[in-house]
Amino acid sequence: MSRKRRIFSAPFKAKVALEAIKGHRTISELTLKHKLHATQINLWKKQLLDGAEGVFETGSGTKKTKPAVTDEPQTAELYEQIGRLKVQLEWLKKKVAEVSE
């Protein structure tokens, strides 16, 4: 039986990574507290430390980045392509049926 993959929010990751950086608790204590693997905590800690200088690049660090572009135009194009392919498939099926008769 397969388990569902757990998805963690960005604030939770930041909280755990900050706890690891502070060093008030060991990594093994944090793994028990948050039910995570030590490798995952160390990865989030490394990501936080690597991205920390980005906070100070914009000045105050309170500016929001641009929102992610939605993929709605892409999905609309894909649905359009699916429709065209379905029409072509039906046409080919009719032609094959006519030839085989």
PDB file of N, CA and C in Angstrom:
ATOM      1  N   MET A   1       0.851  -1.167   0.000  1.00  0.00           N
ATOM      2  CA  MET A   1       0.000   0.000   0.000  1.00  0.00           C
ATOM      3  C   MET A   1       0.905   1.240   0.000  1.00  0.00           C
ATOM      4  N   SER A   2       0.660   2.154  -0.926  1.00  0.00           N
ATOM      5  CA  SER A   2       1.499   3.339  -1.018  1.00  0.00           C
ATOM      6  C   SER A   2       0.973   4.441  -0.103  1.00  0.00           C
ATOM      7  N   ARG A   3       1.924   5.201   0.413  1.00  0.00           N
ATOM      8  CA  ARG A   3       1.569   6.327   1.270  1.00  0.00           C
ATOM      9  C   ARG A   3       1.471   7.582   0.430  1.00  0.00           C
ATOM     10  N   LYS A   4       0.625   8.505   0.861  1.00  0.00           N
ATOM     11  CA  LYS A   4       0.533   9.782   0.178  1.00  0.00           C
ATOM     12  C   LYS A   4       1.729  10.635   0.576  1.00  0.00           C
ATOM     13  N   ARG A   5       2.225  11.370  -0.382  1.00  0.00           N
ATOM     14  CA  ARG A   5       3.351  12.256  -0.136  1.00  0.00           C
ATOM     15  C   ARG A   5       2.868  13.469   0.648  1.00  0.00           C
ATOM     16  N   ARG A   6       3.590  13.783   1.706  1.00  0.00           N
ATOM     17  CA  ARG A   6       3.214  14.946   2.506  1.00  0.00           C
ATOM     18  C   ARG A   6       3.760  16.211   1.850  1.00  0.00           C
ATOM     19  N   ILE A   7       2.955  17.247   1.853  1.00  0.00           N
ATOM     20  CA  ILE A   7       3.358  18.530   1.289  1.00  0.00           C
ATOM     21  C   ILE A   7       3.376  19.547   2.428  1.00  0.00           C
ATOM     22  N   PHE A   8       4.501  20.233   2.549  1.00  0.00           N
ATOM     23  CA  PHE A   8       4.671  21.188   3.638  1.00  0.00           C
ATOM     24  C   PHE A   8       4.619  22.607   3.102  1.00  0.00           C
ATOM     25  N   SER A   9       4.016  23.498   3.880  1.00  0.00           N
ATOM     26  CA  SER A   9       3.913  24.893   3.468  1.00  0.00           C
ATOM     27  C   SER A   9       5.244  25.595   3.694  1.00  0.00           C
ATOM     28  N   ALA A  10       5.424  26.700   3.007  1.00  0.00           N
ATOM     29  CA  ALA A  10       6.652  27.480   3.129  1.00  0.00           C
ATOM     30  C   ALA A  10       6.852  28.009   4.561  1.00  0.00           C
ATOM     31  N   PRO A  11       5.796  28.496   5.226  1.00  0.00           N
ATOM     32  CA  PRO A  11       6.004  28.960   6.606  1.00  0.00           C
ATOM     33  C   PRO A  11       6.462  27.833   7.547  1.00  0.00           C
ATOM     34  N   PHE A  12       5.930  26.623   7.349  1.00  0.00           N
ATOM     35  CA  PHE A  12       6.343  25.494   8.185  1.00  0.00           C
ATOM     36  C   PHE A  12       7.809  25.167   7.943  1.00  0.00           C
ATOM     37  N   LYS A  13       8.229  25.150   6.670  1.00  0.00           N
ATOM     38  CA  LYS A  13       9.623  24.864   6.343  1.00  0.00           C
ATOM     39  C   LYS A  13      10.544  25.909   6.966  1.00  0.00           C
ATOM     40  N   ALA A  14      10.135  27.176   6.879  1.00  0.00           N
ATOM     41  CA  ALA A  14      10.946  28.244   7.444  1.00  0.00           C
ATOM     42  C   ALA A  14      11.046  28.112   8.956  1.00  0.00           C
ATOM     43  N   LYS A  15       9.953  27.760   9.580  1.00  0.00           N
ATOM     44  CA  LYS A  15       9.936  27.594  11.037  1.00  0.00           C
ATOM     45  C   LYS A  15      10.897  26.488  11.471  1.00  0.00           C
ATOM     46  N   VAL A  16      10.831  25.341  10.798  1.00  0.00           N
ATOM     47  CA  VAL A  16      11.689  24.214  11.145  1.00  0.00           C
ATOM     48  C   VAL A  16      13.155  24.560  10.868  1.00  0.00           C
ATOM     49  N   ALA A  17      13.412  25.205   9.727  1.00  0.00           N
ATOM     50  CA  ALA A  17      14.784  25.569   9.379  1.00  0.00           C
ATOM     51  C   ALA A  17      15.354  26.569  10.379  1.00  0.00           C
ATOM     52  N   LEU A  18      14.537  27.524  10.810  1.00  0.00           N
ATOM     53  CA  LEU A  18      15.008  28.491  11.803  1.00  0.00           C
ATOM     54  C   LEU A  18      15.310  27.818  13.144  1.00  0.00           C
ATOM     55  N   GLU A  19      14.467  26.868  13.528  1.00  0.00           N
ATOM     56  CA  GLU A  19      14.732  26.127  14.763  1.00  0.00           C
ATOM     57  C   GLU A  19      16.059  25.380  14.657  1.00  0.00           C
ATOM     58  N   ALA A  20      16.336  24.831  13.486  1.00  0.00           N
ATOM     59  CA  ALA A  20      17.586  24.096  13.290  1.00  0.00           C
ATOM     60  C   ALA A  20      18.775  25.039  13.329  1.00  0.00           C
ATOM     61  N   ILE A  21      18.620  26.223  12.770  1.00  0.00           N
ATOM     62  CA  ILE A  21      19.718  27.188  12.756  1.00  0.00           C
ATOM     63  C   ILE A  21      19.982  27.726  14.154  1.00  0.00           C
ATOM     64  N   LYS A  22      18.927  27.990  14.910  1.00  0.00           N
ATOM     65  CA  LYS A  22      19.094  28.519  16.262  1.00  0.00           C
ATOM     66  C   LYS A  22      19.893  27.578  17.146  1.00  0.00           C
ATOM     67  N   GLY A  23      19.681  26.283  16.988  1.00  0.00           N
ATOM     68  CA  GLY A  23      20.458  25.311  17.733  1.00  0.00           C
ATOM     69  C   GLY A  23      19.993  25.076  19.155  1.00  0.00           C
ATOM     70  N   HIS A  24      18.797  25.526  19.512  1.00  0.00           N
ATOM     71  CA  HIS A  24      18.281  25.273  20.855  1.00  0.00           C
ATOM     72  C   HIS A  24      17.973  23.798  21.052  1.00  0.00           C
ATOM     73  N   ARG A  25      17.639  23.117  19.958  1.00  0.00           N
ATOM     74  CA  ARG A  25      17.380  21.685  19.984  1.00  0.00           C
ATOM     75  C   ARG A  25      18.252  21.024  18.928  1.00  0.00           C
ATOM     76  N   THR A  26      18.564  19.785  19.133  1.00  0.00           N
ATOM     77  CA  THR A  26      19.352  19.063  18.147  1.00  0.00           C
ATOM     78  C   THR A  26      18.463  18.666  16.974  1.00  0.00           C
ATOM     79  N   ILE A  27      19.122  18.272  15.886  1.00  0.00           N
ATOM     80  CA  ILE A  27      18.377  17.846  14.709  1.00  0.00           C
ATOM     81  C   ILE A  27      17.527  16.625  15.036  1.00  0.00           C
ATOM     82  N   SER A  28      18.068  15.717  15.828  1.00  0.00           N
ATOM     83  CA  SER A  28      17.295  14.516  16.174  1.00  0.00           C
ATOM     84  C   SER A  28      16.066  14.863  17.008  1.00  0.00           C
ATOM     85  N   GLU A  29      16.164  15.873  17.868  1.00  0.00           N
ATOM     86  CA  GLU A  29      14.994  16.309  18.631  1.00  0.00           C
ATOM     87  C   GLU A  29      13.946  16.931  17.705  1.00  0.00           C
ATOM     88  N   LEU A  30      14.425  17.690  16.720  1.00  0.00           N
ATOM     89  CA  LEU A  30      13.498  18.300  15.766  1.00  0.00           C
ATOM     90  C   LEU A  30      12.819  17.239  14.898  1.00  0.00           C
ATOM     91  N   THR A  31      13.547  16.178  14.561  1.00  0.00           N
ATOM     92  CA  THR A  31      12.934  15.113  13.755  1.00  0.00           C
ATOM     93  C   THR A  31      11.800  14.441  14.522  1.00  0.00           C
ATOM     94  N   LEU A  32      11.990  14.242  15.792  1.00  0.00           N
ATOM     95  CA  LEU A  32      10.938  13.631  16.598  1.00  0.00           C
ATOM     96  C   LEU A  32       9.755  14.586  16.787  1.00  0.00           C
ATOM     97  N   LYS A  33      10.067  15.854  17.015  1.00  0.00           N
ATOM     98  CA  LYS A  33       9.023  16.839  17.264  1.00  0.00           C
ATOM     99  C   LYS A  33       8.130  17.035  16.032  1.00  0.00           C
ATOM    100  N   HIS A  34       8.749  17.140  14.851  1.00  0.00           N
ATOM    101  CA  HIS A  34       8.001  17.454  13.636  1.00  0.00           C
ATOM    102  C   HIS A  34       7.739  16.237  12.752  1.00  0.00           C
ATOM    103  N   LYS A  35       8.205  15.066  13.184  1.00  0.00           N
ATOM    104  CA  LYS A  35       8.028  13.815  12.430  1.00  0.00           C
ATOM    105  C   LYS A  35       8.587  13.948  11.008  1.00  0.00           C
ATOM    106  N   LEU A  36       9.844  14.396  10.930  1.00  0.00           N
ATOM    107  CA  LEU A  36      10.549  14.568   9.675  1.00  0.00           C
ATOM    108  C   LEU A  36      11.843  13.772   9.713  1.00  0.00           C
ATOM    109  N   HIS A  37      12.476  13.635   8.559  1.00  0.00           N
ATOM    110  CA  HIS A  37      13.773  12.986   8.486  1.00  0.00           C
ATOM    111  C   HIS A  37      14.855  14.051   8.646  1.00  0.00           C
ATOM    112  N   ALA A  38      15.964  13.675   9.240  1.00  0.00           N
ATOM    113  CA  ALA A  38      17.055  14.619   9.492  1.00  0.00           C
ATOM    114  C   ALA A  38      17.575  15.226   8.191  1.00  0.00           C
ATOM    115  N   THR A  39      17.614  14.436   7.144  1.00  0.00           N
ATOM    116  CA  THR A  39      18.082  14.937   5.850  1.00  0.00           C
ATOM    117  C   THR A  39      17.189  16.061   5.348  1.00  0.00           C
ATOM    118  N   GLN A  40      15.882  15.928   5.540  1.00  0.00           N
ATOM    119  CA  GLN A  40      14.939  16.951   5.101  1.00  0.00           C
ATOM    120  C   GLN A  40      15.165  18.246   5.871  1.00  0.00           C
ATOM    121  N   ILE A  41      15.358  18.146   7.166  1.00  0.00           N
ATOM    122  CA  ILE A  41      15.596  19.340   7.978  1.00  0.00           C
ATOM    123  C   ILE A  41      16.889  20.017   7.555  1.00  0.00           C
ATOM    124  N   ASN A  42      17.943  19.231   7.330  1.00  0.00           N
ATOM    125  CA  ASN A  42      19.225  19.807   6.912  1.00  0.00           C
ATOM    126  C   ASN A  42      19.114  20.460   5.538  1.00  0.00           C
ATOM    127  N   LEU A  43      18.304  19.887   4.642  1.00  0.00           N
ATOM    128  CA  LEU A  43      18.100  20.473   3.321  1.00  0.00           C
ATOM    129  C   LEU A  43      17.403  21.828   3.445  1.00  0.00           C
ATOM    130  N   TRP A  44      16.340  21.900   4.235  1.00  0.00           N
ATOM    131  CA  TRP A  44      15.632  23.168   4.427  1.00  0.00           C
ATOM    132  C   TRP A  44      16.541  24.203   5.086  1.00  0.00           C
ATOM    133  N   LYS A  45      17.358  23.767   6.019  1.00  0.00           N
ATOM    134  CA  LYS A  45      18.302  24.659   6.700  1.00  0.00           C
ATOM    135  C   LYS A  45      19.284  25.237   5.684  1.00  0.00           C
ATOM    136  N   LYS A  46      19.814  24.384   4.813  1.00  0.00           N
ATOM    137  CA  LYS A  46      20.764  24.825   3.787  1.00  0.00           C
ATOM    138  C   LYS A  46      20.087  25.792   2.822  1.00  0.00           C
ATOM    139  N   GLN A  47      18.845  25.489   2.409  1.00  0.00           N
ATOM    140  CA  GLN A  47      18.121  26.373   1.502  1.00  0.00           C
ATOM    141  C   GLN A  47      17.887  27.741   2.131  1.00  0.00           C
ATOM    142  N   LEU A  48      17.577  27.750   3.416  1.00  0.00           N
ATOM    143  CA  LEU A  48      17.350  29.015   4.111  1.00  0.00           C
ATOM    144  C   LEU A  48      18.642  29.829   4.182  1.00  0.00           C
ATOM    145  N   LEU A  49      19.732  29.178   4.493  1.00  0.00           N
ATOM    146  CA  LEU A  49      21.001  29.884   4.582  1.00  0.00           C
ATOM    147  C   LEU A  49      21.475  30.375   3.211  1.00  0.00           C
ATOM    148  N   ASP A  50      21.254  29.589   2.177  1.00  0.00           N
ATOM    149  CA  ASP A  50      21.649  29.990   0.825  1.00  0.00           C
ATOM    150  C   ASP A  50      20.819  31.160   0.317  1.00  0.00           C
ATOM    151  N   GLY A  51      19.548  31.213   0.684  1.00  0.00           N
ATOM    152  CA  GLY A  51      18.671  32.273   0.207  1.00  0.00           C
ATOM    153  C   GLY A  51      18.584  33.475   1.122  1.00  0.00           C
ATOM    154  N   ALA A  52      19.321  33.460   2.211  1.00  0.00           N
ATOM    155  CA  ALA A  52      19.218  34.537   3.196  1.00  0.00           C
ATOM    156  C   ALA A  52      19.682  35.878   2.642  1.00  0.00           C
ATOM    157  N   GLU A  53      20.687  35.881   1.768  1.00  0.00           N
ATOM    158  CA  GLU A  53      21.166  37.158   1.259  1.00  0.00           C
ATOM    159  C   GLU A  53      20.136  37.824   0.352  1.00  0.00           C
ATOM    160  N   GLY A  54      19.212  37.068  -0.187  1.00  0.00           N
ATOM    161  CA  GLY A  54      18.155  37.638  -1.018  1.00  0.00           C
ATOM    162  C   GLY A  54      17.237  38.564  -0.240  1.00  0.00           C
ATOM    163  N   VAL A  55      17.140  38.369   1.052  1.00  0.00           N
ATOM    164  CA  VAL A  55      16.290  39.219   1.887  1.00  0.00           C
ATOM    165  C   VAL A  55      16.835  40.631   1.921  1.00  0.00           C
ATOM    166  N   PHE A  56      18.152  40.774   1.885  1.00  0.00           N
ATOM    167  CA  PHE A  56      18.773  42.084   2.029  1.00  0.00           C
ATOM    168  C   PHE A  56      19.074  42.758   0.697  1.00  0.00           C
ATOM    169  N   GLU A  57      18.885  42.063  -0.413  1.00  0.00           N
ATOM    170  CA  GLU A  57      19.167  42.646  -1.716  1.00  0.00           C
ATOM    171  C   GLU A  57      18.161  43.717  -2.098  1.00  0.00           C
ATOM    172  N   THR A  58      16.907  43.565  -1.741  1.00  0.00           N
ATOM    173  CA  THR A  58      15.877  44.522  -2.135  1.00  0.00           C
ATOM    174  C   THR A  58      15.761  45.684  -1.163  1.00  0.00           C
ATOM    175  N   GLY A  59      16.553  45.700  -0.137  1.00  0.00           N
ATOM    176  CA  GLY A  59      16.488  46.795   0.827  1.00  0.00           C
ATOM    177  C   GLY A  59      15.854  46.335   2.120  1.00  0.00           C
ATOM    178  N   SER A  60      14.567  46.634   2.276  1.00  0.00           N
ATOM    179  CA  SER A  60      13.894  46.316   3.527  1.00  0.00           C
ATOM    180  C   SER A  60      13.501  44.848   3.628  1.00  0.00           C
ATOM    181  N   GLY A  61      13.380  44.172   2.518  1.00  0.00           N
ATOM    182  CA  GLY A  61      12.995  42.766   2.539  1.00  0.00           C
ATOM    183  C   GLY A  61      11.500  42.554   2.661  1.00  0.00           C
ATOM    184  N   THR A  62      10.729  43.639   2.670  1.00  0.00           N
ATOM    185  CA  THR A  62       9.282  43.498   2.815  1.00  0.00           C
ATOM    186  C   THR A  62       8.572  43.502   1.476  1.00  0.00           C
ATOM    187  N   LYS A  63       9.307  43.798   0.391  1.00  0.00           N
ATOM    188  CA  LYS A  63       8.668  43.831  -0.917  1.00  0.00           C
ATOM    189  C   LYS A  63       8.316  42.423  -1.343  1.00  0.00           C
ATOM    190  N   LYS A  64       7.164  42.304  -1.934  1.00  0.00           N
ATOM    191  CA  LYS A  64       6.711  41.014  -2.439  1.00  0.00           C
ATOM    192  C   LYS A  64       7.247  40.822  -3.846  1.00  0.00           C
ATOM    193  N   THR A  65       7.553  39.605  -4.187  1.00  0.00           N
ATOM    194  CA  THR A  65       7.970  39.302  -5.543  1.00  0.00           C
ATOM    195  C   THR A  65       6.739  39.255  -6.433  1.00  0.00           C
ATOM    196  N   LYS A  66       6.961  39.274  -7.728  1.00  0.00           N
ATOM    197  CA  LYS A  66       5.847  39.222  -8.663  1.00  0.00           C
ATOM    198  C   LYS A  66       5.108  37.903  -8.510  1.00  0.00           C
ATOM    199  N   PRO A  67       3.796  37.931  -8.588  1.00  0.00           N
ATOM    200  CA  PRO A  67       3.053  36.670  -8.483  1.00  0.00           C
ATOM    201  C   PRO A  67       3.377  35.771  -9.664  1.00  0.00           C
ATOM    202  N   ALA A  68       3.313  34.489  -9.412  1.00  0.00           N
ATOM    203  CA  ALA A  68       3.605  33.515 -10.452  1.00  0.00           C
ATOM    204  C   ALA A  68       2.571  33.614 -11.566  1.00  0.00           C
ATOM    205  N   VAL A  69       3.021  33.492 -12.781  1.00  0.00           N
ATOM    206  CA  VAL A  69       2.130  33.553 -13.929  1.00  0.00           C
ATOM    207  C   VAL A  69       1.311  32.268 -13.963  1.00  0.00           C
ATOM    208  N   THR A  70       0.034  32.431 -14.130  1.00  0.00           N
ATOM    209  CA  THR A  70      -0.827  31.250 -14.170  1.00  0.00           C
ATOM    210  C   THR A  70      -0.649  30.543 -15.498  1.00  0.00           C
ATOM    211  N   ASP A  71      -0.928  29.280 -15.496  1.00  0.00           N
ATOM    212  CA  ASP A  71      -0.755  28.494 -16.709  1.00  0.00           C
ATOM    213  C   ASP A  71      -2.056  28.325 -17.470  1.00  0.00           C
ATOM    214  N   GLU A  72      -3.008  29.200 -17.260  1.00  0.00           N
ATOM    215  CA  GLU A  72      -4.288  29.087 -17.938  1.00  0.00           C
ATOM    216  C   GLU A  72      -4.181  29.203 -19.453  1.00  0.00           C
ATOM    217  N   PRO A  73      -3.395  30.140 -19.997  1.00  0.00           N
ATOM    218  CA  PRO A  73      -3.279  30.170 -21.459  1.00  0.00           C
ATOM    219  C   PRO A  73      -2.696  28.867 -22.009  1.00  0.00           C
ATOM    220  N   GLN A  74      -1.755  28.302 -21.293  1.00  0.00           N
ATOM    221  CA  GLN A  74      -1.151  27.066 -21.748  1.00  0.00           C
ATOM    222  C   GLN A  74      -2.180  25.936 -21.730  1.00  0.00           C
ATOM    223  N   THR A  75      -2.976  25.853 -20.679  1.00  0.00           N
ATOM    224  CA  THR A  75      -3.972  24.786 -20.621  1.00  0.00           C
ATOM    225  C   THR A  75      -5.038  24.988 -21.690  1.00  0.00           C
ATOM    226  N   ALA A  76      -5.387  26.237 -21.977  1.00  0.00           N
ATOM    227  CA  ALA A  76      -6.369  26.493 -23.030  1.00  0.00           C
ATOM    228  C   ALA A  76      -5.832  26.014 -24.374  1.00  0.00           C
ATOM    229  N   GLU A  77      -4.562  26.273 -24.633  1.00  0.00           N
ATOM    230  CA  GLU A  77      -3.944  25.810 -25.879  1.00  0.00           C
ATOM    231  C   GLU A  77      -3.933  24.284 -25.936  1.00  0.00           C
ATOM    232  N   LEU A  78      -3.666  23.659 -24.811  1.00  0.00           N
ATOM    233  CA  LEU A  78      -3.622  22.197 -24.778  1.00  0.00           C
ATOM    234  C   LEU A  78      -5.002  21.593 -25.019  1.00  0.00           C
ATOM    235  N   TYR A  79      -6.046  22.176 -24.433  1.00  0.00           N
ATOM    236  CA  TYR A  79      -7.406  21.687 -24.672  1.00  0.00           C
ATOM    237  C   TYR A  79      -7.790  21.861 -26.140  1.00  0.00           C
ATOM    238  N   GLU A  80      -7.362  22.963 -26.721  1.00  0.00           N
ATOM    239  CA  GLU A  80      -7.640  23.196 -28.141  1.00  0.00           C
ATOM    240  C   GLU A  80      -6.961  22.128 -28.994  1.00  0.00           C
ATOM    241  N   GLN A  81      -5.719  21.815 -28.647  1.00  0.00           N
ATOM    242  CA  GLN A  81      -4.993  20.791 -29.383  1.00  0.00           C
ATOM    243  C   GLN A  81      -5.646  19.415 -29.208  1.00  0.00           C
ATOM    244  N   ILE A  82      -6.098  19.107 -28.012  1.00  0.00           N
ATOM    245  CA  ILE A  82      -6.786  17.833 -27.760  1.00  0.00           C
ATOM    246  C   ILE A  82      -8.034  17.738 -28.630  1.00  0.00           C
ATOM    247  N   GLY A  83      -8.782  18.819 -28.728  1.00  0.00           N
ATOM    248  CA  GLY A  83      -9.984  18.835 -29.557  1.00  0.00           C
ATOM    249  C   GLY A  83      -9.667  18.562 -31.015  1.00  0.00           C
ATOM    250  N   ARG A  84      -8.610  19.231 -31.525  1.00  0.00           N
ATOM    251  CA  ARG A  84      -8.213  19.001 -32.914  1.00  0.00           C
ATOM    252  C   ARG A  84      -7.809  17.555 -33.139  1.00  0.00           C
ATOM    253  N   LEU A  85      -7.051  17.000 -32.216  1.00  0.00           N
ATOM    254  CA  LEU A  85      -6.601  15.616 -32.362  1.00  0.00           C
ATOM    255  C   LEU A  85      -7.760  14.634 -32.321  1.00  0.00           C
ATOM    256  N   LYS A  86      -8.758  14.918 -31.486  1.00  0.00           N
ATOM    257  CA  LYS A  86      -9.935  14.045 -31.436  1.00  0.00           C
ATOM    258  C   LYS A  86     -10.676  14.054 -32.769  1.00  0.00           C
ATOM    259  N   VAL A  87     -10.828  15.233 -33.360  1.00  0.00           N
ATOM    260  CA  VAL A  87     -11.503  15.344 -34.645  1.00  0.00           C
ATOM    261  C   VAL A  87     -10.727  14.571 -35.707  1.00  0.00           C
ATOM    262  N   GLN A  88      -9.401  14.724 -35.714  1.00  0.00           N
ATOM    263  CA  GLN A  88      -8.577  13.999 -36.681  1.00  0.00           C
ATOM    264  C   GLN A  88      -8.698  12.486 -36.485  1.00  0.00           C
ATOM    265  N   LEU A  89      -8.717  12.044 -35.237  1.00  0.00           N
ATOM    266  CA  LEU A  89      -8.820  10.625 -34.944  1.00  0.00           C
ATOM    267  C   LEU A  89     -10.142  10.051 -35.441  1.00  0.00           C
ATOM    268  N   GLU A  90     -11.224  10.765 -35.194  1.00  0.00           N
ATOM    269  CA  GLU A  90     -12.529  10.310 -35.663  1.00  0.00           C
ATOM    270  C   GLU A  90     -12.563  10.240 -37.187  1.00  0.00           C
ATOM    271  N   TRP A  91     -11.990  11.234 -37.864  1.00  0.00           N
ATOM    272  CA  TRP A  91     -11.953  11.242 -39.317  1.00  0.00           C
ATOM    273  C   TRP A  91     -11.164  10.037 -39.835  1.00  0.00           C
ATOM    274  N   LEU A  92     -10.007   9.770 -39.209  1.00  0.00           N
ATOM    275  CA  LEU A  92      -9.194   8.628 -39.623  1.00  0.00           C
ATOM    276  C   LEU A  92      -9.911   7.303 -39.390  1.00  0.00           C
ATOM    277  N   LYS A  93     -10.635   7.188 -38.279  1.00  0.00           N
ATOM    278  CA  LYS A  93     -11.399   5.964 -38.001  1.00  0.00           C
ATOM    279  C   LYS A  93     -12.449   5.725 -39.087  1.00  0.00           C
ATOM    280  N   LYS A  94     -13.130   6.789 -39.510  1.00  0.00           N
ATOM    281  CA  LYS A  94     -14.140   6.656 -40.565  1.00  0.00           C
ATOM    282  C   LYS A  94     -13.507   6.225 -41.872  1.00  0.00           C
ATOM    283  N   LYS A  95     -12.362   6.819 -42.198  1.00  0.00           N
ATOM    284  CA  LYS A  95     -11.693   6.482 -43.443  1.00  0.00           C
ATOM    285  C   LYS A  95     -11.204   5.037 -43.442  1.00  0.00           C
ATOM    286  N   VAL A  96     -10.653   4.575 -42.327  1.00  0.00           N
ATOM    287  CA  VAL A  96     -10.184   3.195 -42.231  1.00  0.00           C
ATOM    288  C   VAL A  96     -11.359   2.228 -42.345  1.00  0.00           C
ATOM    289  N   ALA A  97     -12.487   2.571 -41.753  1.00  0.00           N
ATOM    290  CA  ALA A  97     -13.674   1.725 -41.810  1.00  0.00           C
ATOM    291  C   ALA A  97     -14.203   1.650 -43.260  1.00  0.00           C
ATOM    292  N   GLU A  98     -14.161   2.764 -43.986  1.00  0.00           N
ATOM    293  CA  GLU A  98     -14.616   2.786 -45.364  1.00  0.00           C
ATOM    294  C   GLU A  98     -13.707   1.939 -46.267  1.00  0.00           C
ATOM    295  N   VAL A  99     -12.401   2.026 -46.061  1.00  0.00           N
ATOM    296  CA  VAL A  99     -11.443   1.302 -46.878  1.00  0.00           C
ATOM    297  C   VAL A  99     -11.495  -0.191 -46.591  1.00  0.00           C
ATOM    298  N   SER A 100     -11.692  -0.568 -45.360  1.00  0.00           N
ATOM    299  CA  SER A 100     -11.680  -1.986 -44.996  1.00  0.00           C
ATOM    300  C   SER A 100     -12.963  -2.707 -45.403  1.00  0.00           C
ATOM    301  N   GLU A 101     -14.014  -1.999 -45.752  1.00  0.00           N
ATOM    302  CA  GLU A 101     -15.290  -2.627 -46.138  1.00  0.00           C
ATOM    303  C   GLU A 101     -15.265  -3.168 -47.504  1.00  0.00           C
TER     304      GLU A 101
END
